[in-house]
N, C-alpha and C. Protein backbone atom coordinates (compact mmCIF):
# COMPACT_ATOMS: atom_id res chain seq x y z
N MET A 1 -303.39 -49.00 -107.62
CA MET A 1 -303.13 -49.67 -108.89
C MET A 1 -301.77 -50.36 -108.82
N THR A 2 -301.73 -51.64 -109.13
CA THR A 2 -300.48 -52.38 -109.11
C THR A 2 -300.02 -52.63 -110.54
N LEU A 3 -298.73 -52.50 -110.72
CA LEU A 3 -298.15 -52.73 -112.04
C LEU A 3 -297.93 -54.22 -112.26
N PRO A 4 -297.98 -54.67 -113.49
CA PRO A 4 -297.70 -56.09 -113.74
C PRO A 4 -296.26 -56.43 -113.39
N LYS A 5 -296.07 -57.65 -112.96
CA LYS A 5 -294.74 -58.09 -112.54
C LYS A 5 -293.80 -58.17 -113.74
N ASP A 6 -292.60 -57.63 -113.54
CA ASP A 6 -291.58 -57.69 -114.59
C ASP A 6 -290.79 -58.98 -114.41
N HIS A 7 -290.89 -59.88 -115.36
CA HIS A 7 -290.22 -61.17 -115.24
C HIS A 7 -288.71 -61.06 -115.39
N ASN A 8 -288.25 -59.97 -115.99
CA ASN A 8 -286.81 -59.79 -116.17
C ASN A 8 -286.15 -59.14 -114.97
N CYS A 9 -286.95 -58.69 -114.01
CA CYS A 9 -286.42 -58.01 -112.83
C CYS A 9 -285.72 -59.02 -111.93
N THR A 10 -284.54 -58.65 -111.43
CA THR A 10 -283.78 -59.54 -110.55
C THR A 10 -283.95 -59.16 -109.09
N GLU A 11 -284.83 -58.21 -108.81
CA GLU A 11 -285.04 -57.74 -107.45
C GLU A 11 -285.63 -58.85 -106.59
N GLY A 12 -284.98 -59.15 -105.48
CA GLY A 12 -285.47 -60.17 -104.56
C GLY A 12 -285.16 -61.59 -105.00
N LYS A 13 -284.41 -61.75 -106.06
CA LYS A 13 -284.07 -63.10 -106.53
C LYS A 13 -282.60 -63.38 -106.25
N LYS A 14 -282.30 -64.62 -105.97
CA LYS A 14 -280.91 -65.02 -105.78
C LYS A 14 -280.27 -65.24 -107.15
N PRO A 15 -279.00 -64.86 -107.30
CA PRO A 15 -278.35 -65.14 -108.59
C PRO A 15 -278.18 -66.64 -108.79
N ILE A 16 -278.51 -67.11 -109.96
CA ILE A 16 -278.41 -68.53 -110.27
C ILE A 16 -277.11 -68.75 -111.03
N ALA A 17 -276.29 -69.65 -110.52
CA ALA A 17 -275.03 -69.96 -111.18
C ALA A 17 -275.29 -70.97 -112.29
N CYS A 18 -274.90 -70.61 -113.46
CA CYS A 18 -275.08 -71.50 -114.61
C CYS A 18 -274.01 -72.58 -114.58
N LYS A 19 -274.42 -73.82 -114.75
CA LYS A 19 -273.47 -74.94 -114.71
C LYS A 19 -272.45 -74.84 -115.83
N CYS A 20 -272.90 -74.37 -116.99
CA CYS A 20 -271.97 -74.29 -118.11
C CYS A 20 -270.93 -73.20 -117.86
N ALA A 21 -271.32 -72.13 -117.15
CA ALA A 21 -270.37 -71.07 -116.84
C ALA A 21 -269.31 -71.56 -115.87
N ILE A 22 -269.71 -72.43 -114.93
CA ILE A 22 -268.75 -72.98 -113.96
C ILE A 22 -267.74 -73.86 -114.70
N GLY A 23 -268.22 -74.68 -115.60
CA GLY A 23 -267.34 -75.56 -116.37
C GLY A 23 -266.37 -74.77 -117.24
N LYS A 24 -266.85 -73.66 -117.77
CA LYS A 24 -265.99 -72.84 -118.63
C LYS A 24 -264.88 -72.18 -117.83
N SER A 25 -265.19 -71.75 -116.59
CA SER A 25 -264.17 -71.07 -115.80
C SER A 25 -263.03 -72.03 -115.45
N LYS A 26 -263.35 -73.30 -115.27
CA LYS A 26 -262.32 -74.29 -114.99
C LYS A 26 -261.45 -74.53 -116.21
N SER A 27 -262.08 -74.60 -117.38
CA SER A 27 -261.34 -74.92 -118.58
C SER A 27 -260.50 -73.75 -119.07
N LYS A 28 -260.82 -72.53 -118.60
CA LYS A 28 -260.05 -71.37 -119.05
C LYS A 28 -258.64 -71.39 -118.49
N SER A 29 -258.43 -72.03 -117.36
CA SER A 29 -257.10 -72.06 -116.77
C SER A 29 -256.19 -73.07 -117.47
N LYS A 30 -256.77 -74.02 -118.17
CA LYS A 30 -255.98 -75.08 -118.80
C LYS A 30 -255.13 -74.62 -119.99
N PRO A 31 -255.63 -73.78 -120.90
CA PRO A 31 -254.84 -73.49 -122.09
C PRO A 31 -253.45 -72.94 -121.81
N THR A 32 -253.26 -72.21 -120.69
CA THR A 32 -251.93 -71.70 -120.39
C THR A 32 -250.99 -72.83 -119.99
N GLU A 33 -251.54 -73.91 -119.41
CA GLU A 33 -250.72 -75.02 -118.98
C GLU A 33 -250.36 -75.96 -120.13
N GLU A 34 -251.22 -75.99 -121.17
CA GLU A 34 -251.00 -76.93 -122.27
C GLU A 34 -249.79 -76.51 -123.10
N PRO A 35 -249.08 -77.48 -123.63
CA PRO A 35 -247.92 -77.16 -124.46
C PRO A 35 -248.38 -76.57 -125.80
N PRO A 36 -247.48 -75.85 -126.48
CA PRO A 36 -247.83 -75.27 -127.78
C PRO A 36 -248.08 -76.33 -128.85
N ASN A 37 -247.85 -77.58 -128.52
CA ASN A 37 -248.09 -78.69 -129.43
C ASN A 37 -249.56 -78.75 -129.85
N ASN A 38 -250.45 -78.30 -128.96
CA ASN A 38 -251.88 -78.29 -129.25
C ASN A 38 -252.17 -77.41 -130.46
N GLU A 39 -251.46 -76.28 -130.56
CA GLU A 39 -251.63 -75.38 -131.70
C GLU A 39 -251.25 -76.08 -133.00
N LEU A 40 -250.15 -76.82 -132.96
CA LEU A 40 -249.72 -77.57 -134.15
C LEU A 40 -250.77 -78.59 -134.55
N THR A 41 -251.28 -79.32 -133.58
CA THR A 41 -252.30 -80.34 -133.87
C THR A 41 -253.54 -79.70 -134.46
N THR A 42 -253.97 -78.60 -133.87
CA THR A 42 -255.16 -77.90 -134.37
C THR A 42 -254.94 -77.44 -135.80
N LEU A 43 -253.77 -76.89 -136.07
CA LEU A 43 -253.45 -76.40 -137.42
C LEU A 43 -253.42 -77.56 -138.42
N LYS A 44 -252.81 -78.67 -138.02
CA LYS A 44 -252.76 -79.84 -138.90
C LYS A 44 -254.16 -80.37 -139.18
N ASN A 45 -255.00 -80.43 -138.14
CA ASN A 45 -256.38 -80.90 -138.32
C ASN A 45 -257.18 -79.97 -139.23
N THR A 46 -256.95 -78.67 -139.08
CA THR A 46 -257.65 -77.70 -139.93
C THR A 46 -257.27 -77.89 -141.38
N ILE A 47 -255.98 -78.06 -141.63
CA ILE A 47 -255.50 -78.26 -143.01
C ILE A 47 -256.06 -79.56 -143.57
N LEU A 48 -256.06 -80.62 -142.76
CA LEU A 48 -256.60 -81.91 -143.20
C LEU A 48 -258.08 -81.79 -143.54
N HIS A 49 -258.83 -81.11 -142.68
CA HIS A 49 -260.27 -80.92 -142.90
C HIS A 49 -260.52 -80.13 -144.19
N ARG A 50 -259.73 -79.08 -144.40
CA ARG A 50 -259.88 -78.29 -145.63
C ARG A 50 -259.56 -79.13 -146.86
N ASN A 51 -258.51 -79.97 -146.76
CA ASN A 51 -258.16 -80.81 -147.91
C ASN A 51 -259.30 -81.78 -148.24
N GLN A 52 -259.95 -82.31 -147.21
CA GLN A 52 -261.10 -83.20 -147.45
C GLN A 52 -262.23 -82.43 -148.13
N ASN A 53 -262.48 -81.21 -147.66
CA ASN A 53 -263.51 -80.38 -148.28
C ASN A 53 -263.17 -80.04 -149.73
N ILE A 54 -261.89 -79.78 -149.98
CA ILE A 54 -261.46 -79.45 -151.35
C ILE A 54 -261.71 -80.64 -152.26
N GLU A 55 -261.38 -81.85 -151.78
CA GLU A 55 -261.62 -83.05 -152.60
C GLU A 55 -263.10 -83.21 -152.90
N PHE A 56 -263.94 -82.99 -151.88
CA PHE A 56 -265.39 -83.10 -152.08
C PHE A 56 -265.87 -82.06 -153.09
N TYR A 57 -265.38 -80.83 -152.97
CA TYR A 57 -265.80 -79.78 -153.89
C TYR A 57 -265.30 -80.05 -155.30
N LYS A 58 -264.14 -80.69 -155.43
CA LYS A 58 -263.66 -81.04 -156.78
C LYS A 58 -264.57 -82.08 -157.42
N THR A 59 -265.09 -83.02 -156.62
CA THR A 59 -266.04 -83.99 -157.18
C THR A 59 -267.35 -83.29 -157.56
N LEU A 60 -267.77 -82.32 -156.73
CA LEU A 60 -268.96 -81.53 -157.08
C LEU A 60 -268.76 -80.80 -158.40
N TYR A 61 -267.58 -80.20 -158.53
CA TYR A 61 -267.25 -79.47 -159.75
C TYR A 61 -267.33 -80.40 -160.97
N ALA A 62 -266.79 -81.60 -160.82
CA ALA A 62 -266.83 -82.57 -161.92
C ALA A 62 -268.28 -82.94 -162.26
N GLU A 63 -269.12 -83.11 -161.23
CA GLU A 63 -270.53 -83.42 -161.47
C GLU A 63 -271.24 -82.28 -162.18
N TYR A 64 -270.94 -81.06 -161.79
CA TYR A 64 -271.57 -79.90 -162.43
C TYR A 64 -271.16 -79.79 -163.89
N ILE A 65 -269.88 -80.01 -164.16
CA ILE A 65 -269.39 -79.94 -165.54
C ILE A 65 -270.06 -81.04 -166.37
N GLU A 66 -270.19 -82.23 -165.79
CA GLU A 66 -270.86 -83.33 -166.49
C GLU A 66 -272.32 -82.97 -166.78
N SER A 67 -272.97 -82.35 -165.81
CA SER A 67 -274.36 -81.93 -166.00
C SER A 67 -274.47 -80.88 -167.10
N ILE A 68 -273.52 -79.98 -167.13
CA ILE A 68 -273.51 -78.96 -168.20
C ILE A 68 -273.37 -79.64 -169.55
N GLN A 69 -272.45 -80.61 -169.63
CA GLN A 69 -272.24 -81.29 -170.91
C GLN A 69 -273.46 -82.09 -171.33
N GLU A 70 -274.18 -82.66 -170.36
CA GLU A 70 -275.37 -83.46 -170.68
C GLU A 70 -276.56 -82.61 -171.09
N HIS A 71 -276.80 -81.54 -170.33
CA HIS A 71 -278.04 -80.79 -170.51
C HIS A 71 -277.88 -79.52 -171.33
N ILE A 72 -276.83 -78.77 -171.06
CA ILE A 72 -276.73 -77.44 -171.66
C ILE A 72 -276.00 -77.45 -172.99
N THR A 73 -274.93 -78.22 -173.09
CA THR A 73 -274.16 -78.22 -174.34
C THR A 73 -275.02 -78.65 -175.53
N PRO A 74 -275.83 -79.71 -175.44
CA PRO A 74 -276.70 -80.04 -176.58
C PRO A 74 -277.69 -78.91 -176.90
N TYR A 75 -278.18 -78.24 -175.87
CA TYR A 75 -279.10 -77.12 -176.06
C TYR A 75 -278.41 -76.00 -176.84
N ILE A 76 -277.18 -75.69 -176.45
CA ILE A 76 -276.44 -74.62 -177.13
C ILE A 76 -276.12 -75.05 -178.56
N ARG A 77 -275.70 -76.31 -178.75
CA ARG A 77 -275.43 -76.81 -180.11
C ARG A 77 -276.66 -76.67 -180.99
N ASN A 78 -277.82 -77.04 -180.44
CA ASN A 78 -279.07 -76.95 -181.17
C ASN A 78 -279.37 -75.49 -181.54
N GLN A 79 -279.13 -74.58 -180.61
CA GLN A 79 -279.36 -73.16 -180.88
C GLN A 79 -278.44 -72.67 -182.00
N LEU A 80 -277.18 -73.07 -181.95
CA LEU A 80 -276.22 -72.65 -182.98
C LEU A 80 -276.60 -73.23 -184.34
N LYS A 81 -277.08 -74.47 -184.34
CA LYS A 81 -277.50 -75.10 -185.60
C LYS A 81 -278.67 -74.32 -186.21
N HIS A 82 -279.62 -73.91 -185.39
CA HIS A 82 -280.76 -73.13 -185.88
C HIS A 82 -280.29 -71.79 -186.43
N GLU A 83 -279.31 -71.19 -185.76
CA GLU A 83 -278.81 -69.89 -186.22
C GLU A 83 -278.10 -70.04 -187.56
N GLU A 84 -277.32 -71.11 -187.72
CA GLU A 84 -276.62 -71.35 -188.99
C GLU A 84 -277.60 -71.56 -190.13
N GLU A 85 -278.71 -72.21 -189.83
CA GLU A 85 -279.72 -72.48 -190.86
C GLU A 85 -280.55 -71.25 -191.18
N GLY A 86 -280.29 -70.16 -190.47
CA GLY A 86 -280.99 -68.92 -190.76
C GLY A 86 -282.32 -68.78 -190.07
N ARG A 87 -282.63 -69.68 -189.15
CA ARG A 87 -283.91 -69.59 -188.45
C ARG A 87 -283.82 -68.72 -187.20
N GLY A 88 -282.65 -68.26 -186.88
CA GLY A 88 -282.48 -67.42 -185.69
C GLY A 88 -282.46 -68.25 -184.42
N LEU A 89 -282.14 -67.59 -183.35
CA LEU A 89 -282.10 -68.29 -182.06
C LEU A 89 -283.51 -68.58 -181.58
N ARG A 90 -283.70 -69.80 -181.12
CA ARG A 90 -285.00 -70.17 -180.56
C ARG A 90 -285.03 -69.79 -179.09
N LYS A 91 -286.22 -69.61 -178.61
CA LYS A 91 -286.38 -69.16 -177.23
C LYS A 91 -285.90 -70.21 -176.23
N GLY A 92 -286.20 -71.46 -176.44
CA GLY A 92 -285.79 -72.50 -175.51
C GLY A 92 -286.70 -72.52 -174.30
N SER A 93 -286.55 -73.54 -173.49
CA SER A 93 -287.43 -73.67 -172.34
C SER A 93 -286.90 -72.85 -171.17
N VAL A 94 -287.80 -72.47 -170.31
CA VAL A 94 -287.43 -71.72 -169.10
C VAL A 94 -286.57 -72.61 -168.21
N PHE A 95 -286.88 -73.91 -168.18
CA PHE A 95 -286.11 -74.85 -167.38
C PHE A 95 -284.64 -74.82 -167.79
N GLN A 96 -284.39 -74.88 -169.11
CA GLN A 96 -283.00 -74.90 -169.57
C GLN A 96 -282.29 -73.60 -169.23
N MET A 97 -283.01 -72.49 -169.34
CA MET A 97 -282.39 -71.20 -169.03
C MET A 97 -282.01 -71.14 -167.54
N HIS A 98 -282.94 -71.54 -166.67
CA HIS A 98 -282.65 -71.52 -165.23
C HIS A 98 -281.55 -72.52 -164.88
N LEU A 99 -281.59 -73.68 -165.50
CA LEU A 99 -280.56 -74.68 -165.26
C LEU A 99 -279.19 -74.13 -165.63
N MET A 100 -279.13 -73.47 -166.78
CA MET A 100 -277.87 -72.92 -167.25
C MET A 100 -277.36 -71.86 -166.27
N MET A 101 -278.23 -70.96 -165.85
CA MET A 101 -277.82 -69.90 -164.93
C MET A 101 -277.39 -70.48 -163.59
N ASN A 102 -278.19 -71.39 -163.05
CA ASN A 102 -277.87 -71.98 -161.75
C ASN A 102 -276.56 -72.75 -161.78
N LEU A 103 -276.35 -73.52 -162.84
CA LEU A 103 -275.11 -74.28 -162.93
C LEU A 103 -273.90 -73.36 -163.07
N ARG A 104 -274.04 -72.29 -163.83
CA ARG A 104 -272.92 -71.35 -163.96
C ARG A 104 -272.57 -70.75 -162.60
N ILE A 105 -273.62 -70.37 -161.85
CA ILE A 105 -273.39 -69.79 -160.52
C ILE A 105 -272.76 -70.82 -159.60
N ARG A 106 -273.26 -72.05 -159.61
CA ARG A 106 -272.71 -73.10 -158.75
C ARG A 106 -271.26 -73.41 -159.09
N VAL A 107 -270.99 -73.53 -160.38
CA VAL A 107 -269.62 -73.84 -160.80
C VAL A 107 -268.68 -72.73 -160.35
N GLN A 108 -269.09 -71.49 -160.52
CA GLN A 108 -268.24 -70.37 -160.12
C GLN A 108 -268.03 -70.34 -158.61
N SER A 109 -269.09 -70.58 -157.84
CA SER A 109 -268.94 -70.56 -156.38
C SER A 109 -268.07 -71.71 -155.90
N VAL A 110 -268.20 -72.87 -156.53
CA VAL A 110 -267.35 -74.02 -156.16
C VAL A 110 -265.89 -73.70 -156.47
N MET A 111 -265.64 -73.13 -157.64
CA MET A 111 -264.26 -72.78 -158.00
C MET A 111 -263.69 -71.74 -157.04
N ASP A 112 -264.49 -70.73 -156.68
CA ASP A 112 -264.04 -69.70 -155.75
C ASP A 112 -263.73 -70.29 -154.37
N THR A 113 -264.60 -71.19 -153.91
CA THR A 113 -264.40 -71.81 -152.60
C THR A 113 -263.14 -72.66 -152.58
N ILE A 114 -262.93 -73.43 -153.64
CA ILE A 114 -261.72 -74.25 -153.73
C ILE A 114 -260.48 -73.36 -153.70
N ALA A 115 -260.50 -72.28 -154.47
CA ALA A 115 -259.36 -71.37 -154.51
C ALA A 115 -259.12 -70.74 -153.14
N ARG A 116 -260.20 -70.34 -152.46
CA ARG A 116 -260.05 -69.73 -151.14
C ARG A 116 -259.44 -70.71 -150.14
N TRP A 117 -259.96 -71.95 -150.13
CA TRP A 117 -259.44 -72.95 -149.20
C TRP A 117 -257.99 -73.30 -149.51
N GLU A 118 -257.64 -73.39 -150.78
CA GLU A 118 -256.24 -73.68 -151.13
C GLU A 118 -255.33 -72.55 -150.67
N GLY A 119 -255.80 -71.31 -150.80
CA GLY A 119 -255.02 -70.17 -150.32
C GLY A 119 -254.85 -70.20 -148.81
N GLU A 120 -255.94 -70.50 -148.09
CA GLU A 120 -255.86 -70.59 -146.63
C GLU A 120 -254.94 -71.72 -146.21
N ASN A 121 -254.98 -72.84 -146.93
CA ASN A 121 -254.09 -73.96 -146.61
C ASN A 121 -252.64 -73.56 -146.82
N ALA A 122 -252.36 -72.83 -147.89
CA ALA A 122 -250.98 -72.42 -148.15
C ALA A 122 -250.46 -71.54 -147.01
N VAL A 123 -251.29 -70.61 -146.55
CA VAL A 123 -250.89 -69.74 -145.44
C VAL A 123 -250.68 -70.56 -144.17
N ASP A 124 -251.61 -71.47 -143.88
CA ASP A 124 -251.50 -72.28 -142.67
C ASP A 124 -250.31 -73.24 -142.73
N GLU A 125 -250.00 -73.75 -143.92
CA GLU A 125 -248.84 -74.64 -144.05
C GLU A 125 -247.55 -73.88 -143.80
N LYS A 126 -247.48 -72.62 -144.23
CA LYS A 126 -246.29 -71.80 -143.93
C LYS A 126 -246.17 -71.59 -142.43
N LYS A 127 -247.31 -71.29 -141.78
CA LYS A 127 -247.30 -71.12 -140.32
C LYS A 127 -246.83 -72.40 -139.64
N LEU A 128 -247.35 -73.53 -140.13
CA LEU A 128 -247.01 -74.83 -139.56
C LEU A 128 -245.52 -75.09 -139.67
N LYS A 129 -244.93 -74.80 -140.83
CA LYS A 129 -243.49 -75.01 -141.02
C LYS A 129 -242.69 -74.13 -140.08
N LYS A 130 -243.13 -72.86 -139.92
CA LYS A 130 -242.42 -71.96 -139.01
C LYS A 130 -242.51 -72.46 -137.57
N MET A 131 -243.70 -72.93 -137.19
CA MET A 131 -243.88 -73.43 -135.82
C MET A 131 -243.04 -74.69 -135.59
N GLU A 132 -243.01 -75.58 -136.59
CA GLU A 132 -242.20 -76.80 -136.45
C GLU A 132 -240.72 -76.47 -136.39
N LYS A 133 -240.28 -75.50 -137.21
CA LYS A 133 -238.87 -75.08 -137.17
C LYS A 133 -238.55 -74.48 -135.81
N GLY A 134 -239.49 -73.68 -135.29
CA GLY A 134 -239.30 -73.07 -133.97
C GLY A 134 -239.19 -74.12 -132.89
N GLU A 135 -240.04 -75.13 -132.94
CA GLU A 135 -239.99 -76.21 -131.95
C GLU A 135 -238.70 -77.00 -132.08
N ASN A 136 -238.33 -77.33 -133.31
CA ASN A 136 -237.11 -78.11 -133.52
C ASN A 136 -235.89 -77.31 -133.08
N GLY A 137 -235.89 -76.01 -133.33
CA GLY A 137 -234.78 -75.16 -132.92
C GLY A 137 -234.66 -75.11 -131.41
N VAL A 138 -235.77 -74.98 -130.71
CA VAL A 138 -235.78 -74.94 -129.24
C VAL A 138 -235.33 -76.27 -128.68
N ASP A 139 -235.80 -77.37 -129.26
CA ASP A 139 -235.43 -78.71 -128.78
C ASP A 139 -233.93 -78.93 -128.93
N SER A 140 -233.36 -78.53 -130.07
CA SER A 140 -231.94 -78.78 -130.30
C SER A 140 -231.09 -77.92 -129.36
N GLU A 141 -231.55 -76.70 -129.04
CA GLU A 141 -230.80 -75.86 -128.11
C GLU A 141 -230.84 -76.45 -126.71
N GLU A 142 -231.99 -77.00 -126.31
CA GLU A 142 -232.10 -77.61 -124.98
C GLU A 142 -231.22 -78.84 -124.87
N GLU A 143 -231.13 -79.63 -125.95
CA GLU A 143 -230.30 -80.83 -125.93
C GLU A 143 -228.82 -80.47 -125.83
N GLU A 144 -228.41 -79.39 -126.50
CA GLU A 144 -227.01 -78.98 -126.47
C GLU A 144 -226.62 -78.49 -125.07
N GLU A 145 -227.55 -77.81 -124.38
CA GLU A 145 -227.26 -77.30 -123.04
C GLU A 145 -227.17 -78.45 -122.03
N GLY A 146 -228.01 -79.49 -122.22
CA GLY A 146 -228.10 -80.61 -121.26
C GLY A 146 -226.95 -81.51 -121.41
């Protein structure tokens, strides 16, 4: 009785060198040679990218608020008017209820994301200032010695 061939078995097979692994091993030696300026550039690009995202999210927030004012605020006003007239709160449509819940969740998540990114930017900007001060301090010491 012969067992079925195990395709995962490496017995009798030559190891195959992955081209991407070869490329990665070459690039791993480079970061030690690169100046710390790369870190500054990366940090600046990250902050810039976050600022662009924050601007986009602020426009989203404005659109959501506008949608709330168009769709939900009249619905709530109508409900309050019915309550004042003594007819009690009306049930309203399921669409309006889901719209209201979804918009509240979206607005809150957008606000949370904006706050998180602004916090991360503040931390990264402090790091950036420290790194720039460190570089400027090293440069001025080298110039004084030369």
